[in-house]
Amino acid sequence: TMSANETIIREFIAAWSNLDPVELVSYFTEDGTYNNMPSSAVSGRDNVQNFIAGFIRTWE
């Protein structure tokens, strides 16, 4: 069976298909860090949401 962490990771990956920054950032703690190489790491929920929103805009 999958561990709780593995389940969360799979849900996060699946959530990318919705292209919803608010949904995606809900997987982060207030002080969480997102690292999408080759970009620099982004810390803090608001900063992560803004980064993801900008990243997604390039797909629309």
PDB file of N, CA and C in Angstrom:
ATOM      1  N   THR A   1       0.837  -1.194   0.000  1.00  0.00           N
ATOM      2  CA  THR A   1       0.000   0.000   0.000  1.00  0.00           C
ATOM      3  C   THR A   1       0.876   1.249   0.000  1.00  0.00           C
ATOM      4  N   MET A   2       0.298   2.334  -0.455  1.00  0.00           N
ATOM      5  CA  MET A   2       1.052   3.584  -0.502  1.00  0.00           C
ATOM      6  C   MET A   2       1.096   4.219   0.880  1.00  0.00           C
ATOM      7  N   SER A   3       2.219   4.838   1.163  1.00  0.00           N
ATOM      8  CA  SER A   3       2.329   5.602   2.399  1.00  0.00           C
ATOM      9  C   SER A   3       1.548   6.900   2.244  1.00  0.00           C
ATOM     10  N   ALA A   4       1.275   7.565   3.349  1.00  0.00           N
ATOM     11  CA  ALA A   4       0.561   8.848   3.305  1.00  0.00           C
ATOM     12  C   ALA A   4       1.337   9.861   2.479  1.00  0.00           C
ATOM     13  N   ASN A   5       2.660   9.888   2.627  1.00  0.00           N
ATOM     14  CA  ASN A   5       3.480  10.833   1.856  1.00  0.00           C
ATOM     15  C   ASN A   5       3.396  10.554   0.360  1.00  0.00           C
ATOM     16  N   GLU A   6       3.442   9.297  -0.008  1.00  0.00           N
ATOM     17  CA  GLU A   6       3.356   8.942  -1.423  1.00  0.00           C
ATOM     18  C   GLU A   6       1.997   9.346  -1.997  1.00  0.00           C
ATOM     19  N   THR A   7       0.956   9.163  -1.219  1.00  0.00           N
ATOM     20  CA  THR A   7      -0.382   9.567  -1.657  1.00  0.00           C
ATOM     21  C   THR A   7      -0.435  11.066  -1.905  1.00  0.00           C
ATOM     22  N   ILE A   8       0.116  11.845  -0.993  1.00  0.00           N
ATOM     23  CA  ILE A   8       0.129  13.306  -1.144  1.00  0.00           C
ATOM     24  C   ILE A   8       0.902  13.711  -2.392  1.00  0.00           C
ATOM     25  N   ILE A   9       2.048  13.095  -2.617  1.00  0.00           N
ATOM     26  CA  ILE A   9       2.861  13.418  -3.798  1.00  0.00           C
ATOM     27  C   ILE A   9       2.094  13.091  -5.075  1.00  0.00           C
ATOM     28  N   ARG A  10       1.446  11.947  -5.114  1.00  0.00           N
ATOM     29  CA  ARG A  10       0.670  11.569  -6.306  1.00  0.00           C
ATOM     30  C   ARG A  10      -0.494  12.535  -6.543  1.00  0.00           C
ATOM     31  N   GLU A  11      -1.148  12.959  -5.460  1.00  0.00           N
ATOM     32  CA  GLU A  11      -2.239  13.931  -5.593  1.00  0.00           C
ATOM     33  C   GLU A  11      -1.714  15.269  -6.113  1.00  0.00           C
ATOM     34  N   PHE A  12      -0.567  15.709  -5.597  1.00  0.00           N
ATOM     35  CA  PHE A  12       0.040  16.968  -6.038  1.00  0.00           C
ATOM     36  C   PHE A  12       0.370  16.907  -7.529  1.00  0.00           C
ATOM     37  N   ILE A  13       0.955  15.823  -7.954  1.00  0.00           N
ATOM     38  CA  ILE A  13       1.303  15.662  -9.371  1.00  0.00           C
ATOM     39  C   ILE A  13       0.036  15.670 -10.225  1.00  0.00           C
ATOM     40  N   ALA A  14      -0.990  14.966  -9.797  1.00  0.00           N
ATOM     41  CA  ALA A  14      -2.251  14.928 -10.545  1.00  0.00           C
ATOM     42  C   ALA A  14      -2.908  16.306 -10.591  1.00  0.00           C
ATOM     43  N   ALA A  15      -2.754  17.092  -9.541  1.00  0.00           N
ATOM     44  CA  ALA A  15      -3.372  18.423  -9.473  1.00  0.00           C
ATOM     45  C   ALA A  15      -2.832  19.358 -10.545  1.00  0.00           C
ATOM     46  N   TRP A  16      -1.632  19.111 -11.038  1.00  0.00           N
ATOM     47  CA  TRP A  16      -1.075  19.966 -12.092  1.00  0.00           C
ATOM     48  C   TRP A  16      -1.961  19.978 -13.329  1.00  0.00           C
ATOM     49  N   SER A  17      -2.717  18.924 -13.574  1.00  0.00           N
ATOM     50  CA  SER A  17      -3.572  18.891 -14.764  1.00  0.00           C
ATOM     51  C   SER A  17      -4.707  19.906 -14.679  1.00  0.00           C
ATOM     52  N   ASN A  18      -5.013  20.395 -13.473  1.00  0.00           N
ATOM     53  CA  ASN A  18      -6.063  21.404 -13.305  1.00  0.00           C
ATOM     54  C   ASN A  18      -5.560  22.825 -13.538  1.00  0.00           C
ATOM     55  N   LEU A  19      -4.246  23.007 -13.571  1.00  0.00           N
ATOM     56  CA  LEU A  19      -3.630  24.323 -13.788  1.00  0.00           C
ATOM     57  C   LEU A  19      -4.202  25.387 -12.851  1.00  0.00           C
ATOM     58  N   ASP A  20      -4.349  25.032 -11.578  1.00  0.00           N
ATOM     59  CA  ASP A  20      -4.915  25.925 -10.568  1.00  0.00           C
ATOM     60  C   ASP A  20      -3.874  26.206  -9.487  1.00  0.00           C
ATOM     61  N   PRO A  21      -3.258  27.397  -9.513  1.00  0.00           N
ATOM     62  CA  PRO A  21      -2.222  27.718  -8.531  1.00  0.00           C
ATOM     63  C   PRO A  21      -2.709  27.635  -7.087  1.00  0.00           C
ATOM     64  N   VAL A  22      -3.962  27.995  -6.842  1.00  0.00           N
ATOM     65  CA  VAL A  22      -4.494  27.945  -5.474  1.00  0.00           C
ATOM     66  C   VAL A  22      -4.555  26.495  -4.990  1.00  0.00           C
ATOM     67  N   GLU A  23      -5.006  25.611  -5.850  1.00  0.00           N
ATOM     68  CA  GLU A  23      -5.044  24.189  -5.489  1.00  0.00           C
ATOM     69  C   GLU A  23      -3.632  23.660  -5.255  1.00  0.00           C
ATOM     70  N   LEU A  24      -2.724  23.996  -6.142  1.00  0.00           N
ATOM     71  CA  LEU A  24      -1.361  23.484  -6.026  1.00  0.00           C
ATOM     72  C   LEU A  24      -0.669  23.984  -4.766  1.00  0.00           C
ATOM     73  N   VAL A  25      -0.852  25.251  -4.443  1.00  0.00           N
ATOM     74  CA  VAL A  25      -0.168  25.803  -3.272  1.00  0.00           C
ATOM     75  C   VAL A  25      -0.770  25.259  -1.970  1.00  0.00           C
ATOM     76  N   SER A  26      -1.962  24.693  -2.041  1.00  0.00           N
ATOM     77  CA  SER A  26      -2.571  24.119  -0.838  1.00  0.00           C
ATOM     78  C   SER A  26      -1.770  22.929  -0.304  1.00  0.00           C
ATOM     79  N   TYR A  27      -0.887  22.394  -1.098  1.00  0.00           N
ATOM     80  CA  TYR A  27      -0.040  21.286  -0.665  1.00  0.00           C
ATOM     81  C   TYR A  27       1.194  21.759   0.102  1.00  0.00           C
ATOM     82  N   PHE A  28       1.386  23.067   0.211  1.00  0.00           N
ATOM     83  CA  PHE A  28       2.564  23.634   0.866  1.00  0.00           C
ATOM     84  C   PHE A  28       2.210  24.203   2.230  1.00  0.00           C
ATOM     85  N   THR A  29       3.151  24.094   3.167  1.00  0.00           N
ATOM     86  CA  THR A  29       3.002  24.786   4.438  1.00  0.00           C
ATOM     87  C   THR A  29       3.280  26.265   4.212  1.00  0.00           C
ATOM     88  N   GLU A  30       2.954  27.083   5.195  1.00  0.00           N
ATOM     89  CA  GLU A  30       3.139  28.531   5.074  1.00  0.00           C
ATOM     90  C   GLU A  30       4.589  28.888   4.741  1.00  0.00           C
ATOM     91  N   ASP A  31       5.541  28.100   5.254  1.00  0.00           N
ATOM     92  CA  ASP A  31       6.965  28.378   5.012  1.00  0.00           C
ATOM     93  C   ASP A  31       7.585  27.383   4.029  1.00  0.00           C
ATOM     94  N   GLY A  32       6.745  26.714   3.246  1.00  0.00           N
ATOM     95  CA  GLY A  32       7.228  25.704   2.303  1.00  0.00           C
ATOM     96  C   GLY A  32       8.096  26.291   1.202  1.00  0.00           C
ATOM     97  N   THR A  33       8.894  25.431   0.589  1.00  0.00           N
ATOM     98  CA  THR A  33       9.788  25.827  -0.500  1.00  0.00           C
ATOM     99  C   THR A  33       9.506  24.967  -1.721  1.00  0.00           C
ATOM    100  N   TYR A  34       9.428  25.614  -2.882  1.00  0.00           N
ATOM    101  CA  TYR A  34       9.225  24.925  -4.155  1.00  0.00           C
ATOM    102  C   TYR A  34      10.472  25.143  -4.990  1.00  0.00           C
ATOM    103  N   ASN A  35      10.998  24.054  -5.531  1.00  0.00           N
ATOM    104  CA  ASN A  35      12.201  24.137  -6.344  1.00  0.00           C
ATOM    105  C   ASN A  35      11.927  23.455  -7.673  1.00  0.00           C
ATOM    106  N   ASN A  36      11.786  24.268  -8.714  1.00  0.00           N
ATOM    107  CA  ASN A  36      11.534  23.757 -10.055  1.00  0.00           C
ATOM    108  C   ASN A  36      12.756  24.107 -10.899  1.00  0.00           C
ATOM    109  N   MET A  37      13.694  23.188 -10.952  1.00  0.00           N
ATOM    110  CA  MET A  37      14.944  23.436 -11.665  1.00  0.00           C
ATOM    111  C   MET A  37      14.670  23.696 -13.131  1.00  0.00           C
ATOM    112  N   PRO A  38      15.355  24.588 -13.772  1.00  0.00           N
ATOM    113  CA  PRO A  38      16.568  25.268 -13.344  1.00  0.00           C
ATOM    114  C   PRO A  38      16.315  26.586 -12.617  1.00  0.00           C
ATOM    115  N   SER A  39      15.054  26.910 -12.313  1.00  0.00           N
ATOM    116  CA  SER A  39      14.762  28.143 -11.584  1.00  0.00           C
ATOM    117  C   SER A  39      15.270  28.046 -10.150  1.00  0.00           C
ATOM    118  N   SER A  40      15.440  29.183  -9.523  1.00  0.00           N
ATOM    119  CA  SER A  40      15.839  29.222  -8.117  1.00  0.00           C
ATOM    120  C   SER A  40      14.672  28.788  -7.245  1.00  0.00           C
ATOM    121  N   ALA A  41      14.978  28.291  -6.065  1.00  0.00           N
ATOM    122  CA  ALA A  41      13.954  27.886  -5.112  1.00  0.00           C
ATOM    123  C   ALA A  41      13.135  29.100  -4.679  1.00  0.00           C
ATOM    124  N   VAL A  42      11.858  28.875  -4.413  1.00  0.00           N
ATOM    125  CA  VAL A  42      10.938  29.922  -3.972  1.00  0.00           C
ATOM    126  C   VAL A  42      10.360  29.473  -2.634  1.00  0.00           C
ATOM    127  N   SER A  43      10.389  30.357  -1.639  1.00  0.00           N
ATOM    128  CA  SER A  43       9.902  30.009  -0.304  1.00  0.00           C
ATOM    129  C   SER A  43       8.741  30.894   0.114  1.00  0.00           C
ATOM    130  N   GLY A  44       7.854  30.317   0.908  1.00  0.00           N
ATOM    131  CA  GLY A  44       6.679  31.023   1.401  1.00  0.00           C
ATOM    132  C   GLY A  44       5.491  30.754   0.501  1.00  0.00           C
ATOM    133  N   ARG A  45       4.349  30.452   1.110  1.00  0.00           N
ATOM    134  CA  ARG A  45       3.171  30.046   0.333  1.00  0.00           C
ATOM    135  C   ARG A  45       2.775  31.079  -0.720  1.00  0.00           C
ATOM    136  N   ASP A  46       2.753  32.363  -0.364  1.00  0.00           N
ATOM    137  CA  ASP A  46       2.373  33.395  -1.341  1.00  0.00           C
ATOM    138  C   ASP A  46       3.348  33.451  -2.509  1.00  0.00           C
ATOM    139  N   ASN A  47       4.639  33.355  -2.214  1.00  0.00           N
ATOM    140  CA  ASN A  47       5.651  33.379  -3.274  1.00  0.00           C
ATOM    141  C   ASN A  47       5.549  32.146  -4.163  1.00  0.00           C
ATOM    142  N   VAL A  48       5.292  31.002  -3.548  1.00  0.00           N
ATOM    143  CA  VAL A  48       5.134  29.770  -4.326  1.00  0.00           C
ATOM    144  C   VAL A  48       3.919  29.888  -5.245  1.00  0.00           C
ATOM    145  N   GLN A  49       2.814  30.410  -4.717  1.00  0.00           N
ATOM    146  CA  GLN A  49       1.611  30.566  -5.539  1.00  0.00           C
ATOM    147  C   GLN A  49       1.871  31.504  -6.711  1.00  0.00           C
ATOM    148  N   ASN A  50       2.541  32.609  -6.465  1.00  0.00           N
ATOM    149  CA  ASN A  50       2.854  33.553  -7.544  1.00  0.00           C
ATOM    150  C   ASN A  50       3.765  32.918  -8.585  1.00  0.00           C
ATOM    151  N   PHE A  51       4.750  32.151  -8.136  1.00  0.00           N
ATOM    152  CA  PHE A  51       5.659  31.480  -9.061  1.00  0.00           C
ATOM    153  C   PHE A  51       4.888  30.481  -9.928  1.00  0.00           C
ATOM    154  N   ILE A  52       4.067  29.658  -9.277  1.00  0.00           N
ATOM    155  CA  ILE A  52       3.307  28.654 -10.022  1.00  0.00           C
ATOM    156  C   ILE A  52       2.354  29.322 -11.007  1.00  0.00           C
ATOM    157  N   ALA A  53       1.698  30.401 -10.585  1.00  0.00           N
ATOM    158  CA  ALA A  53       0.781  31.120 -11.480  1.00  0.00           C
ATOM    159  C   ALA A  53       1.521  31.635 -12.708  1.00  0.00           C
ATOM    160  N   GLY A  54       2.711  32.187 -12.511  1.00  0.00           N
ATOM    161  CA  GLY A  54       3.509  32.664 -13.636  1.00  0.00           C
ATOM    162  C   GLY A  54       3.954  31.531 -14.540  1.00  0.00           C
ATOM    163  N   PHE A  55       4.326  30.426 -13.937  1.00  0.00           N
ATOM    164  CA  PHE A  55       4.756  29.253 -14.683  1.00  0.00           C
ATOM    165  C   PHE A  55       3.605  28.723 -15.542  1.00  0.00           C
ATOM    166  N   ILE A  56       2.423  28.643 -14.957  1.00  0.00           N
ATOM    167  CA  ILE A  56       1.250  28.127 -15.666  1.00  0.00           C
ATOM    168  C   ILE A  56       0.842  29.056 -16.803  1.00  0.00           C
ATOM    169  N   ARG A  57       0.980  30.359 -16.612  1.00  0.00           N
ATOM    170  CA  ARG A  57       0.602  31.316 -17.669  1.00  0.00           C
ATOM    171  C   ARG A  57       1.320  31.020 -18.978  1.00  0.00           C
ATOM    172  N   THR A  58       2.521  30.477 -18.911  1.00  0.00           N
ATOM    173  CA  THR A  58       3.258  30.171 -20.139  1.00  0.00           C
ATOM    174  C   THR A  58       2.608  29.022 -20.908  1.00  0.00           C
ATOM    175  N   TRP A  59       1.728  28.253 -20.273  1.00  0.00           N
ATOM    176  CA  TRP A  59       1.063  27.127 -20.922  1.00  0.00           C
ATOM    177  C   TRP A  59      -0.277  27.512 -21.520  1.00  0.00           C
ATOM    178  N   GLU A  60      -0.810  28.657 -21.123  1.00  0.00           N
ATOM    179  CA  GLU A  60      -2.159  29.028 -21.560  1.00  0.00           C
ATOM    180  C   GLU A  60      -2.139  29.718 -22.898  1.00  0.00           C
TER     181      GLU A  60
END
